[in-house]
Amino acid sequence: MANGRRGEVALELGGRRYTLCLTLGALAELEDAFGVQDLTALAERFGSGRLSSRDLVAILAAALRGGGHAMTDADAAELPLHDGIAPVAQAIADLLIVTFGGKALPENPRSPQEA
């Protein structure tokens, strides 16, 4: 079970529940993967709000390993997306918020037309 106080986020894929966590080792991995020099640059990179599918795989794989799952990037890329990409993107957004701070996004944001 994910413990938010420890920076963990739960994600269910293919009927299996995973714990995601950006440990110090996972963050170092991501600094290397994204070619940045420090955590500030990494946070700025994520804060841009523009992440590719390759970015999501790198973050997901590092977070899975940080959460205790022995998984390669290729293993993470092959996880089933029965409910689409939205649950993965939301879990990663939540993970970045608990790791770097910031405001959580509402689960069902209203469009400007509904406001």
PDB file of N, CA and C in Angstrom:
ATOM      1  N   MET A   1       0.828  -1.179   0.000  1.00  0.00           N
ATOM      2  CA  MET A   1       0.000   0.000   0.000  1.00  0.00           C
ATOM      3  C   MET A   1       0.877   1.250   0.000  1.00  0.00           C
ATOM      4  N   ALA A   2       0.543   2.210  -0.838  1.00  0.00           N
ATOM      5  CA  ALA A   2       1.334   3.431  -0.968  1.00  0.00           C
ATOM      6  C   ALA A   2       1.167   4.320   0.259  1.00  0.00           C
ATOM      7  N   ASN A   3       2.268   4.904   0.701  1.00  0.00           N
ATOM      8  CA  ASN A   3       2.287   5.794   1.854  1.00  0.00           C
ATOM      9  C   ASN A   3       2.651   7.195   1.363  1.00  0.00           C
ATOM     10  N   GLY A   4       1.664   8.079   1.262  1.00  0.00           N
ATOM     11  CA  GLY A   4       1.885   9.431   0.774  1.00  0.00           C
ATOM     12  C   GLY A   4       2.887  10.213   1.594  1.00  0.00           C
ATOM     13  N   ARG A   5       2.984   9.937   2.883  1.00  0.00           N
ATOM     14  CA  ARG A   5       3.946  10.649   3.736  1.00  0.00           C
ATOM     15  C   ARG A   5       5.388  10.303   3.373  1.00  0.00           C
ATOM     16  N   ARG A   6       5.567   9.145   2.748  1.00  0.00           N
ATOM     17  CA  ARG A   6       6.904   8.746   2.303  1.00  0.00           C
ATOM     18  C   ARG A   6       7.130   9.076   0.835  1.00  0.00           C
ATOM     19  N   GLY A   7       6.180   9.790   0.233  1.00  0.00           N
ATOM     20  CA  GLY A   7       6.320  10.170  -1.160  1.00  0.00           C
ATOM     21  C   GLY A   7       5.914   9.087  -2.137  1.00  0.00           C
ATOM     22  N   GLU A   8       5.073   8.167  -1.680  1.00  0.00           N
ATOM     23  CA  GLU A   8       4.638   7.067  -2.535  1.00  0.00           C
ATOM     24  C   GLU A   8       3.268   7.354  -3.136  1.00  0.00           C
ATOM     25  N   VAL A   9       3.063   6.830  -4.336  1.00  0.00           N
ATOM     26  CA  VAL A   9       1.800   6.951  -5.050  1.00  0.00           C
ATOM     27  C   VAL A   9       1.446   5.569  -5.585  1.00  0.00           C
ATOM     28  N   ALA A  10       0.174   5.217  -5.515  1.00  0.00           N
ATOM     29  CA  ALA A  10      -0.287   3.923  -6.023  1.00  0.00           C
ATOM     30  C   ALA A  10      -0.721   4.053  -7.479  1.00  0.00           C
ATOM     31  N   LEU A  11      -0.516   2.990  -8.227  1.00  0.00           N
ATOM     32  CA  LEU A  11      -0.953   2.930  -9.620  1.00  0.00           C
ATOM     33  C   LEU A  11      -1.370   1.500  -9.920  1.00  0.00           C
ATOM     34  N   GLU A  12      -2.551   1.349 -10.511  1.00  0.00           N
ATOM     35  CA  GLU A  12      -3.003   0.019 -10.905  1.00  0.00           C
ATOM     36  C   GLU A  12      -2.949  -0.092 -12.418  1.00  0.00           C
ATOM     37  N   LEU A  13      -2.263  -1.131 -12.880  1.00  0.00           N
ATOM     38  CA  LEU A  13      -2.153  -1.421 -14.313  1.00  0.00           C
ATOM     39  C   LEU A  13      -2.330  -2.906 -14.531  1.00  0.00           C
ATOM     40  N   GLY A  14      -3.195  -3.251 -15.455  1.00  0.00           N
ATOM     41  CA  GLY A  14      -3.393  -4.660 -15.789  1.00  0.00           C
ATOM     42  C   GLY A  14      -3.831  -5.497 -14.616  1.00  0.00           C
ATOM     43  N   GLY A  15      -4.615  -4.908 -13.705  1.00  0.00           N
ATOM     44  CA  GLY A  15      -5.106  -5.647 -12.549  1.00  0.00           C
ATOM     45  C   GLY A  15      -4.096  -5.813 -11.432  1.00  0.00           C
ATOM     46  N   ARG A  16      -2.939  -5.196 -11.563  1.00  0.00           N
ATOM     47  CA  ARG A  16      -1.912  -5.282 -10.520  1.00  0.00           C
ATOM     48  C   ARG A  16      -1.659  -3.890  -9.962  1.00  0.00           C
ATOM     49  N   ARG A  17      -1.509  -3.807  -8.655  1.00  0.00           N
ATOM     50  CA  ARG A  17      -1.264  -2.532  -7.981  1.00  0.00           C
ATOM     51  C   ARG A  17       0.242  -2.352  -7.768  1.00  0.00           C
ATOM     52  N   TYR A  18       0.732  -1.187  -8.150  1.00  0.00           N
ATOM     53  CA  TYR A  18       2.153  -0.861  -8.013  1.00  0.00           C
ATOM     54  C   TYR A  18       2.319   0.339  -7.093  1.00  0.00           C
ATOM     55  N   THR A  19       3.464   0.401  -6.439  1.00  0.00           N
ATOM     56  CA  THR A  19       3.829   1.565  -5.643  1.00  0.00           C
ATOM     57  C   THR A  19       4.919   2.312  -6.393  1.00  0.00           C
ATOM     58  N   LEU A  20       4.701   3.605  -6.603  1.00  0.00           N
ATOM     59  CA  LEU A  20       5.688   4.462  -7.256  1.00  0.00           C
ATOM     60  C   LEU A  20       6.335   5.345  -6.202  1.00  0.00           C
ATOM     61  N   CYS A  21       7.646   5.534  -6.296  1.00  0.00           N
ATOM     62  CA  CYS A  21       8.352   6.410  -5.369  1.00  0.00           C
ATOM     63  C   CYS A  21       9.626   6.934  -6.034  1.00  0.00           C
ATOM     64  N   LEU A  22       9.806   8.241  -5.959  1.00  0.00           N
ATOM     65  CA  LEU A  22      11.038   8.824  -6.503  1.00  0.00           C
ATOM     66  C   LEU A  22      12.049   8.965  -5.369  1.00  0.00           C
ATOM     67  N   THR A  23      12.813   7.891  -5.159  1.00  0.00           N
ATOM     68  CA  THR A  23      13.873   7.890  -4.162  1.00  0.00           C
ATOM     69  C   THR A  23      15.021   8.760  -4.670  1.00  0.00           C
ATOM     70  N   LEU A  24      16.006   8.977  -3.825  1.00  0.00           N
ATOM     71  CA  LEU A  24      17.179   9.739  -4.241  1.00  0.00           C
ATOM     72  C   LEU A  24      17.862   9.062  -5.425  1.00  0.00           C
ATOM     73  N   GLY A  25      17.939   7.726  -5.390  1.00  0.00           N
ATOM     74  CA  GLY A  25      18.525   6.983  -6.502  1.00  0.00           C
ATOM     75  C   GLY A  25      17.722   7.153  -7.780  1.00  0.00           C
ATOM     76  N   ALA A  26      16.390   7.120  -7.659  1.00  0.00           N
ATOM     77  CA  ALA A  26      15.525   7.312  -8.827  1.00  0.00           C
ATOM     78  C   ALA A  26      15.699   8.717  -9.397  1.00  0.00           C
ATOM     79  N   LEU A  27      15.819   9.701  -8.524  1.00  0.00           N
ATOM     80  CA  LEU A  27      16.025  11.079  -8.995  1.00  0.00           C
ATOM     81  C   LEU A  27      17.373  11.226  -9.700  1.00  0.00           C
ATOM     82  N   ALA A  28      18.405  10.574  -9.185  1.00  0.00           N
ATOM     83  CA  ALA A  28      19.711  10.603  -9.838  1.00  0.00           C
ATOM     84  C   ALA A  28      19.626   9.954 -11.219  1.00  0.00           C
ATOM     85  N   GLU A  29      18.881   8.863 -11.300  1.00  0.00           N
ATOM     86  CA  GLU A  29      18.646   8.191 -12.580  1.00  0.00           C
ATOM     87  C   GLU A  29      17.989   9.146 -13.580  1.00  0.00           C
ATOM     88  N   LEU A  30      16.984   9.877 -13.100  1.00  0.00           N
ATOM     89  CA  LEU A  30      16.261  10.798 -13.972  1.00  0.00           C
ATOM     90  C   LEU A  30      17.109  11.992 -14.382  1.00  0.00           C
ATOM     91  N   GLU A  31      17.968  12.481 -13.479  1.00  0.00           N
ATOM     92  CA  GLU A  31      18.897  13.555 -13.861  1.00  0.00           C
ATOM     93  C   GLU A  31      19.736  13.098 -15.045  1.00  0.00           C
ATOM     94  N   ASP A  32      20.222  11.873 -14.970  1.00  0.00           N
ATOM     95  CA  ASP A  32      21.032  11.314 -16.044  1.00  0.00           C
ATOM     96  C   ASP A  32      20.205  11.131 -17.316  1.00  0.00           C
ATOM     97  N   ALA A  33      19.012  10.556 -17.179  1.00  0.00           N
ATOM     98  CA  ALA A  33      18.161  10.291 -18.340  1.00  0.00           C
ATOM     99  C   ALA A  33      17.762  11.574 -19.071  1.00  0.00           C
ATOM    100  N   PHE A  34      17.536  12.648 -18.322  1.00  0.00           N
ATOM    101  CA  PHE A  34      17.100  13.906 -18.928  1.00  0.00           C
ATOM    102  C   PHE A  34      18.264  14.866 -19.192  1.00  0.00           C
ATOM    103  N   GLY A  35      19.481  14.448 -18.852  1.00  0.00           N
ATOM    104  CA  GLY A  35      20.661  15.260 -19.144  1.00  0.00           C
ATOM    105  C   GLY A  35      20.686  16.586 -18.414  1.00  0.00           C
ATOM    106  N   VAL A  36      20.241  16.586 -17.144  1.00  0.00           N
ATOM    107  CA  VAL A  36      20.260  17.815 -16.351  1.00  0.00           C
ATOM    108  C   VAL A  36      21.287  17.683 -15.236  1.00  0.00           C
ATOM    109  N   GLN A  37      21.727  18.823 -14.714  1.00  0.00           N
ATOM    110  CA  GLN A  37      22.809  18.824 -13.738  1.00  0.00           C
ATOM    111  C   GLN A  37      22.375  18.668 -12.285  1.00  0.00           C
ATOM    112  N   ASP A  38      21.121  19.048 -11.975  1.00  0.00           N
ATOM    113  CA  ASP A  38      20.708  19.019 -10.572  1.00  0.00           C
ATOM    114  C   ASP A  38      19.194  18.900 -10.445  1.00  0.00           C
ATOM    115  N   LEU A  39      18.743  18.818  -9.195  1.00  0.00           N
ATOM    116  CA  LEU A  39      17.318  18.650  -8.932  1.00  0.00           C
ATOM    117  C   LEU A  39      16.499  19.858  -9.367  1.00  0.00           C
ATOM    118  N   THR A  40      17.059  21.042  -9.256  1.00  0.00           N
ATOM    119  CA  THR A  40      16.341  22.248  -9.680  1.00  0.00           C
ATOM    120  C   THR A  40      16.049  22.173 -11.174  1.00  0.00           C
ATOM    121  N   ALA A  41      17.043  21.790 -11.962  1.00  0.00           N
ATOM    122  CA  ALA A  41      16.853  21.667 -13.406  1.00  0.00           C
ATOM    123  C   ALA A  41      15.866  20.548 -13.733  1.00  0.00           C
ATOM    124  N   LEU A  42      15.896  19.477 -12.951  1.00  0.00           N
ATOM    125  CA  LEU A  42      14.961  18.379 -13.156  1.00  0.00           C
ATOM    126  C   LEU A  42      13.531  18.852 -12.871  1.00  0.00           C
ATOM    127  N   ALA A  43      13.346  19.566 -11.764  1.00  0.00           N
ATOM    128  CA  ALA A  43      12.019  20.087 -11.411  1.00  0.00           C
ATOM    129  C   ALA A  43      11.523  21.061 -12.474  1.00  0.00           C
ATOM    130  N   GLU A  44      12.420  21.895 -12.993  1.00  0.00           N
ATOM    131  CA  GLU A  44      12.034  22.830 -14.052  1.00  0.00           C
ATOM    132  C   GLU A  44      11.619  22.075 -15.309  1.00  0.00           C
ATOM    133  N   ARG A  45      12.329  21.029 -15.616  1.00  0.00           N
ATOM    134  CA  ARG A  45      12.018  20.204 -16.791  1.00  0.00           C
ATOM    135  C   ARG A  45      10.622  19.607 -16.661  1.00  0.00           C
ATOM    136  N   PHE A  46      10.318  19.069 -15.490  1.00  0.00           N
ATOM    137  CA  PHE A  46       9.001  18.480 -15.260  1.00  0.00           C
ATOM    138  C   PHE A  46       7.928  19.552 -15.162  1.00  0.00           C
ATOM    139  N   GLY A  47       8.282  20.701 -14.630  1.00  0.00           N
ATOM    140  CA  GLY A  47       7.327  21.793 -14.451  1.00  0.00           C
ATOM    141  C   GLY A  47       6.854  22.407 -15.749  1.00  0.00           C
ATOM    142  N   SER A  48       7.530  22.091 -16.845  1.00  0.00           N
ATOM    143  CA  SER A  48       7.123  22.639 -18.140  1.00  0.00           C
ATOM    144  C   SER A  48       5.753  22.125 -18.559  1.00  0.00           C
ATOM    145  N   GLY A  49       5.350  20.992 -17.979  1.00  0.00           N
ATOM    146  CA  GLY A  49       4.058  20.408 -18.319  1.00  0.00           C
ATOM    147  C   GLY A  49       4.050  19.656 -19.634  1.00  0.00           C
ATOM    148  N   ARG A  50       5.191  19.578 -20.287  1.00  0.00           N
ATOM    149  CA  ARG A  50       5.280  18.881 -21.575  1.00  0.00           C
ATOM    150  C   ARG A  50       6.163  17.656 -21.409  1.00  0.00           C
ATOM    151  N   LEU A  51       5.530  16.493 -21.379  1.00  0.00           N
ATOM    152  CA  LEU A  51       6.260  15.244 -21.249  1.00  0.00           C
ATOM    153  C   LEU A  51       5.891  14.333 -22.409  1.00  0.00           C
ATOM    154  N   SER A  52       6.911  13.745 -23.013  1.00  0.00           N
ATOM    155  CA  SER A  52       6.680  12.802 -24.110  1.00  0.00           C
ATOM    156  C   SER A  52       6.400  11.418 -23.532  1.00  0.00           C
ATOM    157  N   SER A  53       5.996  10.501 -24.381  1.00  0.00           N
ATOM    158  CA  SER A  53       5.786   9.133 -23.916  1.00  0.00           C
ATOM    159  C   SER A  53       7.107   8.529 -23.439  1.00  0.00           C
ATOM    160  N   ARG A  54       8.218   8.885 -24.074  1.00  0.00           N
ATOM    161  CA  ARG A  54       9.539   8.418 -23.604  1.00  0.00           C
ATOM    162  C   ARG A  54       9.821   8.953 -22.206  1.00  0.00           C
ATOM    163  N   ASP A  55       9.454  10.217 -21.959  1.00  0.00           N
ATOM    164  CA  ASP A  55       9.626  10.810 -20.631  1.00  0.00           C
ATOM    165  C   ASP A  55       8.813  10.033 -19.597  1.00  0.00           C
ATOM    166  N   LEU A  56       7.552   9.738 -19.936  1.00  0.00           N
ATOM    167  CA  LEU A  56       6.687   9.001 -19.009  1.00  0.00           C
ATOM    168  C   LEU A  56       7.252   7.628 -18.695  1.00  0.00           C
ATOM    169  N   VAL A  57       7.788   6.941 -19.702  1.00  0.00           N
ATOM    170  CA  VAL A  57       8.387   5.624 -19.471  1.00  0.00           C
ATOM    171  C   VAL A  57       9.586   5.745 -18.533  1.00  0.00           C
ATOM    172  N   ALA A  58      10.445   6.732 -18.757  1.00  0.00           N
ATOM    173  CA  ALA A  58      11.629   6.911 -17.904  1.00  0.00           C
ATOM    174  C   ALA A  58      11.228   7.196 -16.465  1.00  0.00           C
ATOM    175  N   ILE A  59      10.251   8.089 -16.282  1.00  0.00           N
ATOM    176  CA  ILE A  59       9.798   8.433 -14.933  1.00  0.00           C
ATOM    177  C   ILE A  59       9.118   7.233 -14.287  1.00  0.00           C
ATOM    178  N   LEU A  60       8.230   6.583 -15.031  1.00  0.00           N
ATOM    179  CA  LEU A  60       7.514   5.419 -14.503  1.00  0.00           C
ATOM    180  C   LEU A  60       8.481   4.321 -14.084  1.00  0.00           C
ATOM    181  N   ALA A  61       9.442   4.011 -14.935  1.00  0.00           N
ATOM    182  CA  ALA A  61      10.390   2.935 -14.625  1.00  0.00           C
ATOM    183  C   ALA A  61      11.225   3.268 -13.389  1.00  0.00           C
ATOM    184  N   ALA A  62      11.739   4.492 -13.312  1.00  0.00           N
ATOM    185  CA  ALA A  62      12.533   4.896 -12.148  1.00  0.00           C
ATOM    186  C   ALA A  62      11.674   4.868 -10.885  1.00  0.00           C
ATOM    187  N   ALA A  63      10.419   5.323 -10.996  1.00  0.00           N
ATOM    188  CA  ALA A  63       9.514   5.348  -9.843  1.00  0.00           C
ATOM    189  C   ALA A  63       9.113   3.941  -9.417  1.00  0.00           C
ATOM    190  N   LEU A  64       8.945   3.038 -10.369  1.00  0.00           N
ATOM    191  CA  LEU A  64       8.657   1.645 -10.023  1.00  0.00           C
ATOM    192  C   LEU A  64       9.824   1.027  -9.268  1.00  0.00           C
ATOM    193  N   ARG A  65      11.037   1.257  -9.769  1.00  0.00           N
ATOM    194  CA  ARG A  65      12.218   0.736  -9.073  1.00  0.00           C
ATOM    195  C   ARG A  65      12.327   1.356  -7.684  1.00  0.00           C
ATOM    196  N   GLY A  66      12.056   2.666  -7.586  1.00  0.00           N
ATOM    197  CA  GLY A  66      12.077   3.344  -6.281  1.00  0.00           C
ATOM    198  C   GLY A  66      11.012   2.806  -5.341  1.00  0.00           C
ATOM    199  N   GLY A  67       9.928   2.299  -5.907  1.00  0.00           N
ATOM    200  CA  GLY A  67       8.849   1.716  -5.114  1.00  0.00           C
ATOM    201  C   GLY A  67       9.062   0.246  -4.784  1.00  0.00           C
ATOM    202  N   GLY A  68      10.202  -0.297  -5.194  1.00  0.00           N
ATOM    203  CA  GLY A  68      10.539  -1.672  -4.831  1.00  0.00           C
ATOM    204  C   GLY A  68      10.250  -2.723  -5.880  1.00  0.00           C
ATOM    205  N   HIS A  69       9.908  -2.310  -7.091  1.00  0.00           N
ATOM    206  CA  HIS A  69       9.625  -3.264  -8.168  1.00  0.00           C
ATOM    207  C   HIS A  69      10.855  -3.407  -9.058  1.00  0.00           C
ATOM    208  N   ALA A  70      11.360  -4.610  -9.200  1.00  0.00           N
ATOM    209  CA  ALA A  70      12.530  -4.869 -10.039  1.00  0.00           C
ATOM    210  C   ALA A  70      12.080  -4.874 -11.495  1.00  0.00           C
ATOM    211  N   MET A  71      12.203  -3.719 -12.153  1.00  0.00           N
ATOM    212  CA  MET A  71      11.684  -3.574 -13.501  1.00  0.00           C
ATOM    213  C   MET A  71      12.637  -2.726 -14.338  1.00  0.00           C
ATOM    214  N   THR A  72      12.849  -3.137 -15.564  1.00  0.00           N
ATOM    215  CA  THR A  72      13.652  -2.337 -16.487  1.00  0.00           C
ATOM    216  C   THR A  72      12.748  -1.296 -17.151  1.00  0.00           C
ATOM    217  N   ASP A  73      13.363  -0.363 -17.862  1.00  0.00           N
ATOM    218  CA  ASP A  73      12.573   0.603 -18.630  1.00  0.00           C
ATOM    219  C   ASP A  73      11.709  -0.128 -19.653  1.00  0.00           C
ATOM    220  N   ALA A  74      12.274  -1.165 -20.284  1.00  0.00           N
ATOM    221  CA  ALA A  74      11.523  -1.940 -21.275  1.00  0.00           C
ATOM    222  C   ALA A  74      10.334  -2.649 -20.631  1.00  0.00           C
ATOM    223  N   ASP A  75      10.514  -3.176 -19.416  1.00  0.00           N
ATOM    224  CA  ASP A  75       9.402  -3.804 -18.693  1.00  0.00           C
ATOM    225  C   ASP A  75       8.294  -2.789 -18.436  1.00  0.00           C
ATOM    226  N   ALA A  76       8.676  -1.603 -17.996  1.00  0.00           N
ATOM    227  CA  ALA A  76       7.694  -0.548 -17.700  1.00  0.00           C
ATOM    228  C   ALA A  76       6.948  -0.138 -18.967  1.00  0.00           C
ATOM    229  N   ALA A  77       7.664  -0.075 -20.074  1.00  0.00           N
ATOM    230  CA  ALA A  77       7.050   0.319 -21.340  1.00  0.00           C
ATOM    231  C   ALA A  77       6.019  -0.697 -21.813  1.00  0.00           C
ATOM    232  N   GLU A  78       6.151  -1.938 -21.383  1.00  0.00           N
ATOM    233  CA  GLU A  78       5.240  -3.003 -21.812  1.00  0.00           C
ATOM    234  C   GLU A  78       4.038  -3.200 -20.891  1.00  0.00           C
ATOM    235  N   LEU A  79       3.938  -2.432 -19.812  1.00  0.00           N
ATOM    236  CA  LEU A  79       2.797  -2.580 -18.910  1.00  0.00           C
ATOM    237  C   LEU A  79       1.510  -2.232 -19.655  1.00  0.00           C
ATOM    238  N   PRO A  80       0.448  -2.989 -19.407  1.00  0.00           N
ATOM    239  CA  PRO A  80      -0.808  -2.767 -20.139  1.00  0.00           C
ATOM    240  C   PRO A  80      -1.492  -1.460 -19.733  1.00  0.00           C
ATOM    241  N   LEU A  81      -2.088  -0.804 -20.707  1.00  0.00           N
ATOM    242  CA  LEU A  81      -2.815   0.446 -20.481  1.00  0.00           C
ATOM    243  C   LEU A  81      -4.293   0.229 -20.791  1.00  0.00           C
ATOM    244  N   HIS A  82      -4.919  -0.705 -20.086  1.00  0.00           N
ATOM    245  CA  HIS A  82      -6.324  -1.030 -20.332  1.00  0.00           C
ATOM    246  C   HIS A  82      -7.236   0.171 -20.139  1.00  0.00           C
ATOM    247  N   ASP A  83      -6.862   1.073 -19.243  1.00  0.00           N
ATOM    248  CA  ASP A  83      -7.666   2.271 -18.978  1.00  0.00           C
ATOM    249  C   ASP A  83      -7.091   3.508 -19.656  1.00  0.00           C
ATOM    250  N   GLY A  84      -6.210   3.305 -20.631  1.00  0.00           N
ATOM    251  CA  GLY A  84      -5.596   4.424 -21.340  1.00  0.00           C
ATOM    252  C   GLY A  84      -4.405   4.993 -20.582  1.00  0.00           C
ATOM    253  N   ILE A  85      -3.895   6.086 -21.084  1.00  0.00           N
ATOM    254  CA  ILE A  85      -2.701   6.717 -20.508  1.00  0.00           C
ATOM    255  C   ILE A  85      -3.042   7.608 -19.310  1.00  0.00           C
ATOM    256  N   ALA A  86      -4.296   8.021 -19.185  1.00  0.00           N
ATOM    257  CA  ALA A  86      -4.685   8.977 -18.149  1.00  0.00           C
ATOM    258  C   ALA A  86      -4.302   8.540 -16.728  1.00  0.00           C
ATOM    259  N   PRO A  87      -4.553   7.287 -16.303  1.00  0.00           N
ATOM    260  CA  PRO A  87      -4.157   6.907 -14.944  1.00  0.00           C
ATOM    261  C   PRO A  87      -2.652   6.972 -14.712  1.00  0.00           C
ATOM    262  N   VAL A  88      -1.868   6.648 -15.731  1.00  0.00           N
ATOM    263  CA  VAL A  88      -0.408   6.716 -15.610  1.00  0.00           C
ATOM    264  C   VAL A  88       0.021   8.173 -15.494  1.00  0.00           C
ATOM    265  N   ALA A  89      -0.503   9.022 -16.372  1.00  0.00           N
ATOM    266  CA  ALA A  89      -0.157  10.452 -16.340  1.00  0.00           C
ATOM    267  C   ALA A  89      -0.564  11.078 -15.015  1.00  0.00           C
ATOM    268  N   GLN A  90      -1.733  10.723 -14.478  1.00  0.00           N
ATOM    269  CA  GLN A  90      -2.185  11.275 -13.197  1.00  0.00           C
ATOM    270  C   GLN A  90      -1.296  10.805 -12.057  1.00  0.00           C
ATOM    271  N   ALA A  91      -0.935   9.512 -12.059  1.00  0.00           N
ATOM    272  CA  ALA A  91      -0.065   8.988 -11.005  1.00  0.00           C
ATOM    273  C   ALA A  91       1.301   9.665 -11.044  1.00  0.00           C
ATOM    274  N   ILE A  92       1.829   9.885 -12.238  1.00  0.00           N
ATOM    275  CA  ILE A  92       3.127  10.552 -12.355  1.00  0.00           C
ATOM    276  C   ILE A  92       3.014  12.008 -11.921  1.00  0.00           C
ATOM    277  N   ALA A  93       1.921  12.683 -12.298  1.00  0.00           N
ATOM    278  CA  ALA A  93       1.709  14.071 -11.849  1.00  0.00           C
ATOM    279  C   ALA A  93       1.642  14.122 -10.329  1.00  0.00           C
ATOM    280  N   ASP A  94       0.884  13.201  -9.717  1.00  0.00           N
ATOM    281  CA  ASP A  94       0.788  13.149  -8.256  1.00  0.00           C
ATOM    282  C   ASP A  94       2.150  12.880  -7.633  1.00  0.00           C
ATOM    283  N   LEU A  95       2.915  11.990  -8.249  1.00  0.00           N
ATOM    284  CA  LEU A  95       4.245  11.649  -7.748  1.00  0.00           C
ATOM    285  C   LEU A  95       5.175  12.858  -7.795  1.00  0.00           C
ATOM    286  N   LEU A  96       5.130  13.607  -8.886  1.00  0.00           N
ATOM    287  CA  LEU A  96       5.981  14.798  -9.000  1.00  0.00           C
ATOM    288  C   LEU A  96       5.574  15.845  -7.971  1.00  0.00           C
ATOM    289  N   ILE A  97       4.278  15.945  -7.695  1.00  0.00           N
ATOM    290  CA  ILE A  97       3.807  16.906  -6.692  1.00  0.00           C
ATOM    291  C   ILE A  97       4.296  16.514  -5.304  1.00  0.00           C
ATOM    292  N   VAL A  98       4.169  15.226  -4.928  1.00  0.00           N
ATOM    293  CA  VAL A  98       4.626  14.836  -3.592  1.00  0.00           C
ATOM    294  C   VAL A  98       6.145  14.894  -3.476  1.00  0.00           C
ATOM    295  N   THR A  99       6.844  14.771  -4.591  1.00  0.00           N
ATOM    296  CA  THR A  99       8.304  14.809  -4.555  1.00  0.00           C
ATOM    297  C   THR A  99       8.843  16.236  -4.555  1.00  0.00           C
ATOM    298  N   PHE A 100       8.307  17.076  -5.437  1.00  0.00           N
ATOM    299  CA  PHE A 100       8.836  18.424  -5.611  1.00  0.00           C
ATOM    300  C   PHE A 100       7.959  19.510  -4.994  1.00  0.00           C
ATOM    301  N   GLY A 101       6.772  19.156  -4.540  1.00  0.00           N
ATOM    302  CA  GLY A 101       5.854  20.146  -3.979  1.00  0.00           C
ATOM    303  C   GLY A 101       4.988  20.741  -5.060  1.00  0.00           C
ATOM    304  N   GLY A 102       4.087  21.590  -4.666  1.00  0.00           N
ATOM    305  CA  GLY A 102       3.171  22.216  -5.606  1.00  0.00           C
ATOM    306  C   GLY A 102       1.753  21.861  -5.261  1.00  0.00           C
ATOM    307  N   LYS A 103       0.858  22.278  -6.103  1.00  0.00           N
ATOM    308  CA  LYS A 103      -0.559  22.043  -5.865  1.00  0.00           C
ATOM    309  C   LYS A 103      -1.033  20.843  -6.667  1.00  0.00           C
ATOM    310  N   ALA A 104      -1.866  20.039  -6.038  1.00  0.00           N
ATOM    311  CA  ALA A 104      -2.457  18.895  -6.724  1.00  0.00           C
ATOM    312  C   ALA A 104      -3.495  19.383  -7.719  1.00  0.00           C
ATOM    313  N   LEU A 105      -3.613  18.671  -8.816  1.00  0.00           N
ATOM    314  CA  LEU A 105      -4.622  18.994  -9.810  1.00  0.00           C
ATOM    315  C   LEU A 105      -5.922  18.323  -9.414  1.00  0.00           C
ATOM    316  N   PRO A 106      -7.051  18.969  -9.664  1.00  0.00           N
ATOM    317  CA  PRO A 106      -8.316  18.296  -9.366  1.00  0.00           C
ATOM    318  C   PRO A 106      -8.452  17.056 -10.242  1.00  0.00           C
ATOM    319  N   GLU A 107      -9.129  16.041  -9.721  1.00  0.00           N
ATOM    320  CA  GLU A 107      -9.264  14.800 -10.489  1.00  0.00           C
ATOM    321  C   GLU A 107     -10.099  14.982 -11.734  1.00  0.00           C
ATOM    322  N   ASN A 108     -11.117  15.808 -11.679  1.00  0.00           N
ATOM    323  CA  ASN A 108     -11.993  16.054 -12.829  1.00  0.00           C
ATOM    324  C   ASN A 108     -12.096  17.550 -13.070  1.00  0.00           C
ATOM    325  N   PRO A 109     -11.041  18.161 -13.606  1.00  0.00           N
ATOM    326  CA  PRO A 109     -11.099  19.601 -13.824  1.00  0.00           C
ATOM    327  C   PRO A 109     -12.216  19.956 -14.787  1.00  0.00           C
ATOM    328  N   ARG A 110     -12.892  21.060 -14.493  1.00  0.00           N
ATOM    329  CA  ARG A 110     -13.952  21.517 -15.363  1.00  0.00           C
ATOM    330  C   ARG A 110     -13.367  22.312 -16.517  1.00  0.00           C
ATOM    331  N   SER A 111     -13.957  22.165 -17.676  1.00  0.00           N
ATOM    332  CA  SER A 111     -13.488  22.926 -18.831  1.00  0.00           C
ATOM    333  C   SER A 111     -13.952  24.367 -18.674  1.00  0.00           C
ATOM    334  N   PRO A 112     -13.313  25.311 -19.373  1.00  0.00           N
ATOM    335  CA  PRO A 112     -13.714  26.724 -19.268  1.00  0.00           C
ATOM    336  C   PRO A 112     -15.196  26.935 -19.638  1.00  0.00           C
ATOM    337  N   GLN A 113     -15.744  26.093 -20.521  1.00  0.00           N
ATOM    338  CA  GLN A 113     -17.141  26.245 -20.896  1.00  0.00           C
ATOM    339  C   GLN A 113     -18.076  25.893 -19.745  1.00  0.00           C
ATOM    340  N   GLU A 114     -17.632  25.000 -18.843  1.00  0.00           N
ATOM    341  CA  GLU A 114     -18.469  24.568 -17.733  1.00  0.00           C
ATOM    342  C   GLU A 114     -18.408  25.532 -16.559  1.00  0.00           C
ATOM    343  N   ALA A 115     -17.391  26.365 -16.512  1.00  0.00           N
ATOM    344  CA  ALA A 115     -17.183  27.250 -15.356  1.00  0.00           C
ATOM    345  C   ALA A 115     -18.216  28.336 -15.295  1.00  0.00           C
TER     346      ALA A 115
END
